[in-house]
Amino acid sequence: DMAGAILSVPAIEFGKSSDTALYIENEFLYGSDSVIGDFFLVPDEASYIRLLKALGVA
C-alpha cells in the first residue's frame, strides 16, 4: 500500500511529539461543483486540548 509507505515517515516524526491525530473528511460545495478531501491534523498536546475545548467536547 503506497499511501501507508508515504505516510509512515511523517507519522514517525510526529509521533515523537504527539500520539494523537485528528482525521476529518470534508466536502466543499459551490453551486453544482464539489470537492471532497481529507484533512489530517497532528497537534501537540496543548493544541489538541484547546481544539477539543473550542469544539465543546472536552
Protein backbone atom coordinates (compact mmCIF):
# COMPACT_ATOMS: atom_id res chain seq x y z
CA ASP A 1 0.00 0.00 0.00
CA MET A 2 1.73 3.14 -1.25
CA ALA A 3 -0.28 5.51 0.97
CA GLY A 4 0.94 3.67 4.06
CA ALA A 5 4.54 3.92 2.90
CA ILE A 6 4.21 7.63 2.15
CA LEU A 7 2.55 8.41 5.49
CA SER A 8 4.90 6.32 7.61
CA VAL A 9 7.73 8.88 7.62
CA PRO A 10 5.59 11.83 8.82
CA ALA A 11 3.87 9.53 11.31
CA ILE A 12 7.22 8.58 12.83
CA GLU A 13 8.35 12.21 13.03
CA PHE A 14 5.09 13.49 14.55
CA GLY A 15 4.98 10.50 16.89
CA LYS A 16 7.97 11.94 18.71
CA SER A 17 5.88 14.88 19.96
CA SER A 18 2.29 13.60 19.84
CA ASP A 19 0.44 10.29 19.76
CA THR A 20 -2.95 11.69 18.76
CA ALA A 21 -4.17 12.58 15.29
CA LEU A 22 -7.41 14.14 14.16
CA TYR A 23 -8.81 12.97 10.81
CA ILE A 24 -11.56 14.95 9.11
CA GLU A 25 -13.38 14.02 5.91
CA ASN A 26 -14.85 17.06 4.22
CA GLU A 27 -16.77 18.18 1.17
CA PHE A 28 -16.87 21.72 -0.17
CA LEU A 29 -19.83 22.68 -2.34
CA TYR A 30 -20.09 25.64 -4.68
CA GLY A 31 -23.14 25.59 -6.89
CA SER A 32 -23.07 22.27 -8.72
CA ASP A 33 -19.33 21.76 -8.09
CA SER A 34 -17.95 19.80 -5.17
CA VAL A 35 -14.52 18.92 -3.87
CA ILE A 36 -14.05 16.04 -1.44
CA GLY A 37 -10.95 15.95 0.71
CA ASP A 38 -9.25 14.56 3.77
CA PHE A 39 -7.55 16.57 6.48
CA PHE A 40 -5.01 15.17 8.95
CA LEU A 41 -4.10 17.25 11.99
CA VAL A 42 -1.38 16.12 14.38
CA PRO A 43 -1.37 18.77 17.12
CA ASP A 44 0.80 18.86 20.20
CA GLU A 45 -0.98 18.07 23.46
CA ALA A 46 -1.75 21.67 24.42
CA SER A 47 -3.20 22.46 20.99
CA TYR A 48 -5.27 19.27 21.00
CA ILE A 49 -6.84 20.15 24.36
CA ARG A 50 -7.54 23.70 23.20
CA LEU A 51 -9.16 22.44 19.99
CA LEU A 52 -11.39 19.97 21.84
CA LYS A 53 -12.48 22.70 24.27
CA ALA A 54 -13.31 25.02 21.37
CA LEU A 55 -15.42 22.26 19.81
CA GLY A 56 -17.17 21.73 23.15
CA VAL A 57 -16.16 18.09 23.54
CA ALA A 58 -13.58 18.41 26.31
